[in-house]
Amino acid sequence: MSVYVGNLSYEAKEEDIREVFADYGTVKRVQVPTDRETGRPRGFAFVEMETEDEETAAIEALDTAEWMGRTLKVNKARPRESRGSSGGGARKGGGDKFSRDY
């Protein structure tokens, strides 16, 4: 299981996050998702701790804490929701498959 850390400063680096969470136990992994187009951090991260007790301690201590000028939102990460098929949706237009009437 991992911990979701939201409302992060865009200046927060993986090492910074690891250091904060290390106060509550062994940090196994930190993942900071980035925007595909810009490569910039998206303002949230996932932190994996060694044990569930360490995760709970980090959540209790850091949820709503202020860090780097932001109020953190820290909770258990939920499994990613299924987005369904990635196929295209219905298109407007007639029989001409190259029509751009939308």
PDB file of N, CA and C in Angstrom:
ATOM      1  N   MET A   1       0.844  -1.183   0.000  1.00  0.00           N
ATOM      2  CA  MET A   1       0.000   0.000   0.000  1.00  0.00           C
ATOM      3  C   MET A   1       0.884   1.239   0.000  1.00  0.00           C
ATOM      4  N   SER A   2       0.343   2.322  -0.466  1.00  0.00           N
ATOM      5  CA  SER A   2       1.114   3.551  -0.447  1.00  0.00           C
ATOM      6  C   SER A   2       0.249   4.710   0.029  1.00  0.00           C
ATOM      7  N   VAL A   3       0.916   5.837   0.226  1.00  0.00           N
ATOM      8  CA  VAL A   3       0.286   7.042   0.748  1.00  0.00           C
ATOM      9  C   VAL A   3       0.213   8.075  -0.370  1.00  0.00           C
ATOM     10  N   TYR A   4      -0.933   8.721  -0.495  1.00  0.00           N
ATOM     11  CA  TYR A   4      -1.118   9.817  -1.442  1.00  0.00           C
ATOM     12  C   TYR A   4      -0.786  11.119  -0.719  1.00  0.00           C
ATOM     13  N   VAL A   5       0.012  11.961  -1.355  1.00  0.00           N
ATOM     14  CA  VAL A   5       0.366  13.260  -0.798  1.00  0.00           C
ATOM     15  C   VAL A   5      -0.074  14.317  -1.807  1.00  0.00           C
ATOM     16  N   GLY A   6      -1.100  15.075  -1.465  1.00  0.00           N
ATOM     17  CA  GLY A   6      -1.640  16.078  -2.374  1.00  0.00           C
ATOM     18  C   GLY A   6      -1.341  17.489  -1.934  1.00  0.00           C
ATOM     19  N   ASN A   7      -1.564  18.424  -2.839  1.00  0.00           N
ATOM     20  CA  ASN A   7      -1.341  19.852  -2.641  1.00  0.00           C
ATOM     21  C   ASN A   7       0.131  20.158  -2.369  1.00  0.00           C
ATOM     22  N   LEU A   8       1.009  19.419  -3.030  1.00  0.00           N
ATOM     23  CA  LEU A   8       2.447  19.653  -2.894  1.00  0.00           C
ATOM     24  C   LEU A   8       2.867  20.901  -3.643  1.00  0.00           C
ATOM     25  N   SER A   9       3.878  21.546  -3.123  1.00  0.00           N
ATOM     26  CA  SER A   9       4.503  22.644  -3.843  1.00  0.00           C
ATOM     27  C   SER A   9       5.127  22.067  -5.113  1.00  0.00           C
ATOM     28  N   TYR A  10       5.068  22.820  -6.196  1.00  0.00           N
ATOM     29  CA  TYR A  10       5.685  22.359  -7.444  1.00  0.00           C
ATOM     30  C   TYR A  10       7.202  22.354  -7.336  1.00  0.00           C
ATOM     31  N   GLU A  11       7.726  22.960  -6.284  1.00  0.00           N
ATOM     32  CA  GLU A  11       9.171  22.996  -6.044  1.00  0.00           C
ATOM     33  C   GLU A  11       9.658  21.764  -5.280  1.00  0.00           C
ATOM     34  N   ALA A  12       8.738  20.982  -4.709  1.00  0.00           N
ATOM     35  CA  ALA A  12       9.110  19.811  -3.916  1.00  0.00           C
ATOM     36  C   ALA A  12       9.734  18.748  -4.806  1.00  0.00           C
ATOM     37  N   LYS A  13      10.878  18.263  -4.383  1.00  0.00           N
ATOM     38  CA  LYS A  13      11.593  17.216  -5.118  1.00  0.00           C
ATOM     39  C   LYS A  13      11.432  15.881  -4.385  1.00  0.00           C
ATOM     40  N   GLU A  14      11.700  14.806  -5.089  1.00  0.00           N
ATOM     41  CA  GLU A  14      11.601  13.467  -4.515  1.00  0.00           C
ATOM     42  C   GLU A  14      12.410  13.364  -3.220  1.00  0.00           C
ATOM     43  N   GLU A  15      13.623  13.913  -3.217  1.00  0.00           N
ATOM     44  CA  GLU A  15      14.493  13.838  -2.042  1.00  0.00           C
ATOM     45  C   GLU A  15      13.873  14.581  -0.854  1.00  0.00           C
ATOM     46  N   ASP A  16      13.236  15.729  -1.117  1.00  0.00           N
ATOM     47  CA  ASP A  16      12.584  16.509  -0.055  1.00  0.00           C
ATOM     48  C   ASP A  16      11.463  15.701   0.590  1.00  0.00           C
ATOM     49  N   ILE A  17      10.649  15.082  -0.246  1.00  0.00           N
ATOM     50  CA  ILE A  17       9.514  14.296   0.236  1.00  0.00           C
ATOM     51  C   ILE A  17      10.015  13.101   1.037  1.00  0.00           C
ATOM     52  N   ARG A  18      11.044  12.431   0.518  1.00  0.00           N
ATOM     53  CA  ARG A  18      11.634  11.273   1.207  1.00  0.00           C
ATOM     54  C   ARG A  18      12.117  11.679   2.599  1.00  0.00           C
ATOM     55  N   GLU A  19      12.755  12.823   2.698  1.00  0.00           N
ATOM     56  CA  GLU A  19      13.292  13.305   3.972  1.00  0.00           C
ATOM     57  C   GLU A  19      12.178  13.558   4.991  1.00  0.00           C
ATOM     58  N   VAL A  20      11.081  14.167   4.561  1.00  0.00           N
ATOM     59  CA  VAL A  20       9.958  14.443   5.460  1.00  0.00           C
ATOM     60  C   VAL A  20       9.342  13.143   5.965  1.00  0.00           C
ATOM     61  N   PHE A  21       9.113  12.193   5.088  1.00  0.00           N
ATOM     62  CA  PHE A  21       8.472  10.938   5.471  1.00  0.00           C
ATOM     63  C   PHE A  21       9.408  10.025   6.262  1.00  0.00           C
ATOM     64  N   ALA A  22      10.701  10.186   6.114  1.00  0.00           N
ATOM     65  CA  ALA A  22      11.669   9.355   6.842  1.00  0.00           C
ATOM     66  C   ALA A  22      11.562   9.558   8.347  1.00  0.00           C
ATOM     67  N   ASP A  23      11.001  10.682   8.789  1.00  0.00           N
ATOM     68  CA  ASP A  23      10.799  10.904  10.222  1.00  0.00           C
ATOM     69  C   ASP A  23       9.809   9.907  10.811  1.00  0.00           C
ATOM     70  N   TYR A  24       9.036   9.215   9.970  1.00  0.00           N
ATOM     71  CA  TYR A  24       7.996   8.307  10.433  1.00  0.00           C
ATOM     72  C   TYR A  24       8.288   6.849  10.105  1.00  0.00           C
ATOM     73  N   GLY A  25       9.430   6.571   9.502  1.00  0.00           N
ATOM     74  CA  GLY A  25       9.812   5.195   9.199  1.00  0.00           C
ATOM     75  C   GLY A  25      10.640   5.101   7.933  1.00  0.00           C
ATOM     76  N   THR A  26      10.787   3.885   7.464  1.00  0.00           N
ATOM     77  CA  THR A  26      11.586   3.604   6.279  1.00  0.00           C
ATOM     78  C   THR A  26      10.773   3.876   5.015  1.00  0.00           C
ATOM     79  N   VAL A  27      11.297   4.736   4.175  1.00  0.00           N
ATOM     80  CA  VAL A  27      10.639   5.056   2.909  1.00  0.00           C
ATOM     81  C   VAL A  27      11.193   4.114   1.842  1.00  0.00           C
ATOM     82  N   LYS A  28      10.316   3.301   1.285  1.00  0.00           N
ATOM     83  CA  LYS A  28      10.740   2.360   0.249  1.00  0.00           C
ATOM     84  C   LYS A  28      10.798   3.015  -1.127  1.00  0.00           C
ATOM     85  N   ARG A  29       9.833   3.933  -1.391  1.00  0.00           N
ATOM     86  CA  ARG A  29       9.770   4.526  -2.725  1.00  0.00           C
ATOM     87  C   ARG A  29       8.969   5.821  -2.684  1.00  0.00           C
ATOM     88  N   VAL A  30       9.384   6.775  -3.504  1.00  0.00           N
ATOM     89  CA  VAL A  30       8.645   8.019  -3.695  1.00  0.00           C
ATOM     90  C   VAL A  30       8.442   8.185  -5.192  1.00  0.00           C
ATOM     91  N   GLN A  31       7.205   8.453  -5.589  1.00  0.00           N
ATOM     92  CA  GLN A  31       6.896   8.671  -7.003  1.00  0.00           C
ATOM     93  C   GLN A  31       6.230  10.037  -7.136  1.00  0.00           C
ATOM     94  N   VAL A  32       6.828  10.899  -7.949  1.00  0.00           N
ATOM     95  CA  VAL A  32       6.282  12.231  -8.202  1.00  0.00           C
ATOM     96  C   VAL A  32       5.866  12.287  -9.672  1.00  0.00           C
ATOM     97  N   PRO A  33       4.570  12.097  -9.970  1.00  0.00           N
ATOM     98  CA  PRO A  33       4.106  12.133 -11.364  1.00  0.00           C
ATOM     99  C   PRO A  33       4.354  13.505 -12.003  1.00  0.00           C
ATOM    100  N   THR A  34       4.684  13.470 -13.286  1.00  0.00           N
ATOM    101  CA  THR A  34       4.918  14.701 -14.024  1.00  0.00           C
ATOM    102  C   THR A  34       3.948  14.809 -15.194  1.00  0.00           C
ATOM    103  N   ASP A  35       3.723  16.027 -15.631  1.00  0.00           N
ATOM    104  CA  ASP A  35       2.867  16.298 -16.773  1.00  0.00           C
ATOM    105  C   ASP A  35       3.549  15.771 -18.032  1.00  0.00           C
ATOM    106  N   ARG A  36       2.813  15.079 -18.875  1.00  0.00           N
ATOM    107  CA  ARG A  36       3.392  14.500 -20.104  1.00  0.00           C
ATOM    108  C   ARG A  36       3.945  15.552 -21.051  1.00  0.00           C
ATOM    109  N   GLU A  37       3.254  16.665 -21.160  1.00  0.00           N
ATOM    110  CA  GLU A  37       3.655  17.685 -22.127  1.00  0.00           C
ATOM    111  C   GLU A  37       4.775  18.588 -21.622  1.00  0.00           C
ATOM    112  N   THR A  38       4.683  19.003 -20.357  1.00  0.00           N
ATOM    113  CA  THR A  38       5.657  19.974 -19.843  1.00  0.00           C
ATOM    114  C   THR A  38       6.780  19.339 -19.047  1.00  0.00           C
ATOM    115  N   GLY A  39       6.552  18.133 -18.515  1.00  0.00           N
ATOM    116  CA  GLY A  39       7.554  17.487 -17.685  1.00  0.00           C
ATOM    117  C   GLY A  39       7.588  18.027 -16.262  1.00  0.00           C
ATOM    118  N   ARG A  40       6.714  18.980 -15.948  1.00  0.00           N
ATOM    119  CA  ARG A  40       6.673  19.573 -14.610  1.00  0.00           C
ATOM    120  C   ARG A  40       5.894  18.675 -13.657  1.00  0.00           C
ATOM    121  N   PRO A  41       6.240  18.714 -12.361  1.00  0.00           N
ATOM    122  CA  PRO A  41       5.478  17.944 -11.368  1.00  0.00           C
ATOM    123  C   PRO A  41       4.010  18.354 -11.383  1.00  0.00           C
ATOM    124  N   ARG A  42       3.134  17.412 -11.059  1.00  0.00           N
ATOM    125  CA  ARG A  42       1.692  17.660 -11.113  1.00  0.00           C
ATOM    126  C   ARG A  42       1.110  18.090  -9.770  1.00  0.00           C
ATOM    127  N   GLY A  43       1.944  18.226  -8.727  1.00  0.00           N
ATOM    128  CA  GLY A  43       1.473  18.723  -7.443  1.00  0.00           C
ATOM    129  C   GLY A  43       1.025  17.649  -6.475  1.00  0.00           C
ATOM    130  N   PHE A  44       1.345  16.396  -6.775  1.00  0.00           N
ATOM    131  CA  PHE A  44       1.051  15.312  -5.840  1.00  0.00           C
ATOM    132  C   PHE A  44       2.105  14.235  -5.976  1.00  0.00           C
ATOM    133  N   ALA A  45       2.124  13.314  -4.994  1.00  0.00           N
ATOM    134  CA  ALA A  45       3.115  12.236  -5.006  1.00  0.00           C
ATOM    135  C   ALA A  45       2.530  11.016  -4.315  1.00  0.00           C
ATOM    136  N   PHE A  46       3.222   9.898  -4.486  1.00  0.00           N
ATOM    137  CA  PHE A  46       2.892   8.668  -3.782  1.00  0.00           C
ATOM    138  C   PHE A  46       4.139   8.231  -3.026  1.00  0.00           C
ATOM    139  N   VAL A  47       3.952   7.873  -1.759  1.00  0.00           N
ATOM    140  CA  VAL A  47       5.067   7.451  -0.916  1.00  0.00           C
ATOM    141  C   VAL A  47       4.757   6.060  -0.390  1.00  0.00           C
ATOM    142  N   GLU A  48       5.695   5.156  -0.570  1.00  0.00           N
ATOM    143  CA  GLU A  48       5.539   3.792  -0.074  1.00  0.00           C
ATOM    144  C   GLU A  48       6.466   3.619   1.121  1.00  0.00           C
ATOM    145  N   MET A  49       5.876   3.246   2.258  1.00  0.00           N
ATOM    146  CA  MET A  49       6.636   3.049   3.494  1.00  0.00           C
ATOM    147  C   MET A  49       6.842   1.550   3.728  1.00  0.00           C
ATOM    148  N   GLU A  50       7.742   1.230   4.644  1.00  0.00           N
ATOM    149  CA  GLU A  50       8.073  -0.162   4.947  1.00  0.00           C
ATOM    150  C   GLU A  50       6.886  -0.922   5.554  1.00  0.00           C
ATOM    151  N   THR A  51       6.172  -0.292   6.494  1.00  0.00           N
ATOM    152  CA  THR A  51       5.061  -0.982   7.154  1.00  0.00           C
ATOM    153  C   THR A  51       3.803  -0.113   7.145  1.00  0.00           C
ATOM    154  N   GLU A  52       2.674  -0.759   7.394  1.00  0.00           N
ATOM    155  CA  GLU A  52       1.413  -0.036   7.457  1.00  0.00           C
ATOM    156  C   GLU A  52       1.377   0.894   8.675  1.00  0.00           C
ATOM    157  N   ASP A  53       2.002   0.484   9.771  1.00  0.00           N
ATOM    158  CA  ASP A  53       2.059   1.337  10.965  1.00  0.00           C
ATOM    159  C   ASP A  53       2.822   2.630  10.668  1.00  0.00           C
ATOM    160  N   GLU A  54       3.893   2.531   9.882  1.00  0.00           N
ATOM    161  CA  GLU A  54       4.655   3.729   9.505  1.00  0.00           C
ATOM    162  C   GLU A  54       3.818   4.639   8.609  1.00  0.00           C
ATOM    163  N   GLU A  55       3.082   4.044   7.696  1.00  0.00           N
ATOM    164  CA  GLU A  55       2.196   4.837   6.833  1.00  0.00           C
ATOM    165  C   GLU A  55       1.153   5.567   7.670  1.00  0.00           C
ATOM    166  N   THR A  56       0.550   4.857   8.616  1.00  0.00           N
ATOM    167  CA  THR A  56      -0.467   5.457   9.475  1.00  0.00           C
ATOM    168  C   THR A  56       0.120   6.613  10.284  1.00  0.00           C
ATOM    169  N   ALA A  57       1.310   6.429  10.837  1.00  0.00           N
ATOM    170  CA  ALA A  57       1.956   7.492  11.613  1.00  0.00           C
ATOM    171  C   ALA A  57       2.219   8.715  10.745  1.00  0.00           C
ATOM    172  N   ALA A  58       2.679   8.502   9.508  1.00  0.00           N
ATOM    173  CA  ALA A  58       2.953   9.615   8.591  1.00  0.00           C
ATOM    174  C   ALA A  58       1.661  10.343   8.222  1.00  0.00           C
ATOM    175  N   ILE A  59       0.611   9.597   7.962  1.00  0.00           N
ATOM    176  CA  ILE A  59      -0.675  10.200   7.602  1.00  0.00           C
ATOM    177  C   ILE A  59      -1.192  11.051   8.760  1.00  0.00           C
ATOM    178  N   GLU A  60      -1.184  10.489   9.960  1.00  0.00           N
ATOM    179  CA  GLU A  60      -1.685  11.215  11.127  1.00  0.00           C
ATOM    180  C   GLU A  60      -0.883  12.486  11.390  1.00  0.00           C
ATOM    181  N   ALA A  61       0.422  12.436  11.184  1.00  0.00           N
ATOM    182  CA  ALA A  61       1.265  13.592  11.473  1.00  0.00           C
ATOM    183  C   ALA A  61       1.240  14.651  10.371  1.00  0.00           C
ATOM    184  N   LEU A  62       1.115  14.210   9.118  1.00  0.00           N
ATOM    185  CA  LEU A  62       1.311  15.145   8.006  1.00  0.00           C
ATOM    186  C   LEU A  62       0.040  15.638   7.329  1.00  0.00           C
ATOM    187  N   ASP A  63      -1.086  14.940   7.518  1.00  0.00           N
ATOM    188  CA  ASP A  63      -2.319  15.416   6.893  1.00  0.00           C
ATOM    189  C   ASP A  63      -2.687  16.769   7.488  1.00  0.00           C
ATOM    190  N   THR A  64      -2.884  17.740   6.654  1.00  0.00           N
ATOM    191  CA  THR A  64      -3.190  19.147   6.967  1.00  0.00           C
ATOM    192  C   THR A  64      -1.988  19.926   7.519  1.00  0.00           C
ATOM    193  N   ALA A  65      -0.802  19.318   7.530  1.00  0.00           N
ATOM    194  CA  ALA A  65       0.397  20.043   7.960  1.00  0.00           C
ATOM    195  C   ALA A  65       0.805  21.030   6.874  1.00  0.00           C
ATOM    196  N   GLU A  66       1.407  22.129   7.265  1.00  0.00           N
ATOM    197  CA  GLU A  66       1.901  23.087   6.286  1.00  0.00           C
ATOM    198  C   GLU A  66       3.353  22.760   5.968  1.00  0.00           C
ATOM    199  N   TRP A  67       3.655  22.695   4.687  1.00  0.00           N
ATOM    200  CA  TRP A  67       5.013  22.383   4.235  1.00  0.00           C
ATOM    201  C   TRP A  67       5.274  23.112   2.923  1.00  0.00           C
ATOM    202  N   MET A  68       6.361  23.832   2.862  1.00  0.00           N
ATOM    203  CA  MET A  68       6.747  24.608   1.678  1.00  0.00           C
ATOM    204  C   MET A  68       5.618  25.557   1.256  1.00  0.00           C
ATOM    205  N   GLY A  69       4.939  26.139   2.261  1.00  0.00           N
ATOM    206  CA  GLY A  69       3.895  27.116   1.982  1.00  0.00           C
ATOM    207  C   GLY A  69       2.559  26.548   1.550  1.00  0.00           C
ATOM    208  N   ARG A  70       2.392  25.240   1.639  1.00  0.00           N
ATOM    209  CA  ARG A  70       1.139  24.585   1.226  1.00  0.00           C
ATOM    210  C   ARG A  70       0.609  23.709   2.353  1.00  0.00           C
ATOM    211  N   THR A  71      -0.710  23.564   2.437  1.00  0.00           N
ATOM    212  CA  THR A  71      -1.334  22.657   3.404  1.00  0.00           C
ATOM    213  C   THR A  71      -1.490  21.298   2.734  1.00  0.00           C
ATOM    214  N   LEU A  72      -0.759  20.312   3.239  1.00  0.00           N
ATOM    215  CA  LEU A  72      -0.742  18.987   2.629  1.00  0.00           C
ATOM    216  C   LEU A  72      -2.042  18.233   2.854  1.00  0.00           C
ATOM    217  N   LYS A  73      -2.367  17.392   1.897  1.00  0.00           N
ATOM    218  CA  LYS A  73      -3.466  16.434   2.008  1.00  0.00           C
ATOM    219  C   LYS A  73      -2.808  15.064   1.909  1.00  0.00           C
ATOM    220  N   VAL A  74      -2.816  14.317   3.020  1.00  0.00           N
ATOM    221  CA  VAL A  74      -2.120  13.029   3.070  1.00  0.00           C
ATOM    222  C   VAL A  74      -3.106  11.955   3.511  1.00  0.00           C
ATOM    223  N   ASN A  75      -3.250  10.908   2.697  1.00  0.00           N
ATOM    224  CA  ASN A  75      -4.123   9.793   3.052  1.00  0.00           C
ATOM    225  C   ASN A  75      -3.684   8.527   2.324  1.00  0.00           C
ATOM    226  N   LYS A  76      -4.352   7.424   2.649  1.00  0.00           N
ATOM    227  CA  LYS A  76      -4.047   6.165   1.963  1.00  0.00           C
ATOM    228  C   LYS A  76      -4.356   6.321   0.486  1.00  0.00           C
ATOM    229  N   ALA A  77      -3.463   5.840  -0.338  1.00  0.00           N
ATOM    230  CA  ALA A  77      -3.703   5.887  -1.783  1.00  0.00           C
ATOM    231  C   ALA A  77      -4.771   4.857  -2.128  1.00  0.00           C
ATOM    232  N   ARG A  78      -5.667   5.251  -3.011  1.00  0.00           N
ATOM    233  CA  ARG A  78      -6.708   4.336  -3.489  1.00  0.00           C
ATOM    234  C   ARG A  78      -6.250   3.718  -4.802  1.00  0.00           C
ATOM    235  N   PRO A  79      -6.712   2.510  -5.081  1.00  0.00           N
ATOM    236  CA  PRO A  79      -6.366   1.903  -6.374  1.00  0.00           C
ATOM    237  C   PRO A  79      -6.862   2.775  -7.521  1.00  0.00           C
ATOM    238  N   ARG A  80      -6.116   2.799  -8.593  1.00  0.00           N
ATOM    239  CA  ARG A  80      -6.478   3.586  -9.768  1.00  0.00           C
ATOM    240  C   ARG A  80      -7.789   3.080 -10.341  1.00  0.00           C
ATOM    241  N   GLU A  81      -8.680   4.021 -10.632  1.00  0.00           N
ATOM    242  CA  GLU A  81      -9.976   3.645 -11.199  1.00  0.00           C
ATOM    243  C   GLU A  81      -9.827   3.312 -12.675  1.00  0.00           C
ATOM    244  N   SER A  82     -10.606   2.353 -13.111  1.00  0.00           N
ATOM    245  CA  SER A  82     -10.598   1.976 -14.515  1.00  0.00           C
ATOM    246  C   SER A  82     -11.209   3.097 -15.347  1.00  0.00           C
ATOM    247  N   ARG A  83     -10.563   3.438 -16.422  1.00  0.00           N
ATOM    248  CA  ARG A  83     -11.074   4.496 -17.298  1.00  0.00           C
ATOM    249  C   ARG A  83     -11.837   3.930 -18.488  1.00  0.00           C
ATOM    250  N   GLY A  84     -12.010   2.635 -18.525  1.00  0.00           N
ATOM    251  CA  GLY A  84     -12.702   2.017 -19.650  1.00  0.00           C
ATOM    252  C   GLY A  84     -11.777   1.913 -20.846  1.00  0.00           C
ATOM    253  N   SER A  85     -12.338   1.619 -22.001  1.00  0.00           N
ATOM    254  CA  SER A  85     -11.512   1.482 -23.196  1.00  0.00           C
ATOM    255  C   SER A  85     -11.008   2.849 -23.631  1.00  0.00           C
ATOM    256  N   SER A  86      -9.890   2.849 -24.303  1.00  0.00           N
ATOM    257  CA  SER A  86      -9.327   4.123 -24.760  1.00  0.00           C
ATOM    258  C   SER A  86      -9.711   4.422 -26.205  1.00  0.00           C
ATOM    259  N   GLY A  87     -10.703   3.713 -26.696  1.00  0.00           N
ATOM    260  CA  GLY A  87     -11.168   3.947 -28.061  1.00  0.00           C
ATOM    261  C   GLY A  87     -11.853   5.282 -28.193  1.00  0.00           C
ATOM    262  N   GLY A  88     -11.962   5.782 -29.389  1.00  0.00           N
ATOM    263  CA  GLY A  88     -12.585   7.085 -29.626  1.00  0.00           C
ATOM    264  C   GLY A  88     -14.075   7.047 -29.378  1.00  0.00           C
ATOM    265  N   GLY A  89     -14.615   8.189 -29.111  1.00  0.00           N
ATOM    266  CA  GLY A  89     -16.055   8.291 -28.886  1.00  0.00           C
ATOM    267  C   GLY A  89     -16.786   8.471 -30.201  1.00  0.00           C
ATOM    268  N   ALA A  90     -18.071   8.712 -30.097  1.00  0.00           N
ATOM    269  CA  ALA A  90     -18.870   8.936 -31.304  1.00  0.00           C
ATOM    270  C   ALA A  90     -18.452  10.253 -31.958  1.00  0.00           C
ATOM    271  N   ARG A  91     -18.491  10.293 -33.262  1.00  0.00           N
ATOM    272  CA  ARG A  91     -18.114  11.501 -33.998  1.00  0.00           C
ATOM    273  C   ARG A  91     -19.318  12.065 -34.718  1.00  0.00           C
ATOM    274  N   LYS A  92     -19.339  13.362 -34.820  1.00  0.00           N
ATOM    275  CA  LYS A  92     -20.386  14.008 -35.605  1.00  0.00           C
ATOM    276  C   LYS A  92     -19.966  13.976 -37.064  1.00  0.00           C
ATOM    277  N   GLY A  93     -20.914  14.131 -37.905  1.00  0.00           N
ATOM    278  CA  GLY A  93     -20.571  14.202 -39.322  1.00  0.00           C
ATOM    279  C   GLY A  93     -21.208  13.080 -40.101  1.00  0.00           C
ATOM    280  N   GLY A  94     -21.117  13.189 -41.416  1.00  0.00           N
ATOM    281  CA  GLY A  94     -21.739  12.200 -42.293  1.00  0.00           C
ATOM    282  C   GLY A  94     -20.808  11.061 -42.589  1.00  0.00           C
ATOM    283  N   GLY A  95     -20.979  10.508 -43.800  1.00  0.00           N
ATOM    284  CA  GLY A  95     -20.220   9.346 -44.207  1.00  0.00           C
ATOM    285  C   GLY A  95     -18.764   9.644 -44.528  1.00  0.00           C
ATOM    286  N   ASP A  96     -18.407  10.885 -44.780  1.00  0.00           N
ATOM    287  CA  ASP A  96     -17.028  11.224 -45.106  1.00  0.00           C
ATOM    288  C   ASP A  96     -16.170  11.118 -43.843  1.00  0.00           C
ATOM    289  N   LYS A  97     -15.292  10.107 -43.802  1.00  0.00           N
ATOM    290  CA  LYS A  97     -14.530   9.882 -42.573  1.00  0.00           C
ATOM    291  C   LYS A  97     -13.523  10.975 -42.290  1.00  0.00           C
ATOM    292  N   PHE A  98     -13.298  11.891 -43.227  1.00  0.00           N
ATOM    293  CA  PHE A  98     -12.355  12.975 -43.012  1.00  0.00           C
ATOM    294  C   PHE A  98     -13.067  14.289 -42.659  1.00  0.00           C
ATOM    295  N   SER A  99     -14.371  14.232 -42.511  1.00  0.00           N
ATOM    296  CA  SER A  99     -15.160  15.410 -42.188  1.00  0.00           C
ATOM    297  C   SER A  99     -14.829  15.896 -40.785  1.00  0.00           C
ATOM    298  N   ARG A 100     -14.715  17.193 -40.605  1.00  0.00           N
ATOM    299  CA  ARG A 100     -14.431  17.786 -39.293  1.00  0.00           C
ATOM    300  C   ARG A 100     -15.540  18.769 -38.936  1.00  0.00           C
ATOM    301  N   ASP A 101     -16.770  18.251 -38.780  1.00  0.00           N
ATOM    302  CA  ASP A 101     -17.908  19.091 -38.498  1.00  0.00           C
ATOM    303  C   ASP A 101     -18.102  19.350 -37.003  1.00  0.00           C
ATOM    304  N   TYR A 102     -17.091  19.101 -36.188  1.00  0.00           N
ATOM    305  CA  TYR A 102     -17.292  19.295 -34.745  1.00  0.00           C
ATOM    306  C   TYR A 102     -16.372  20.304 -34.187  1.00  0.00           C
TER     307      TYR A 102
END
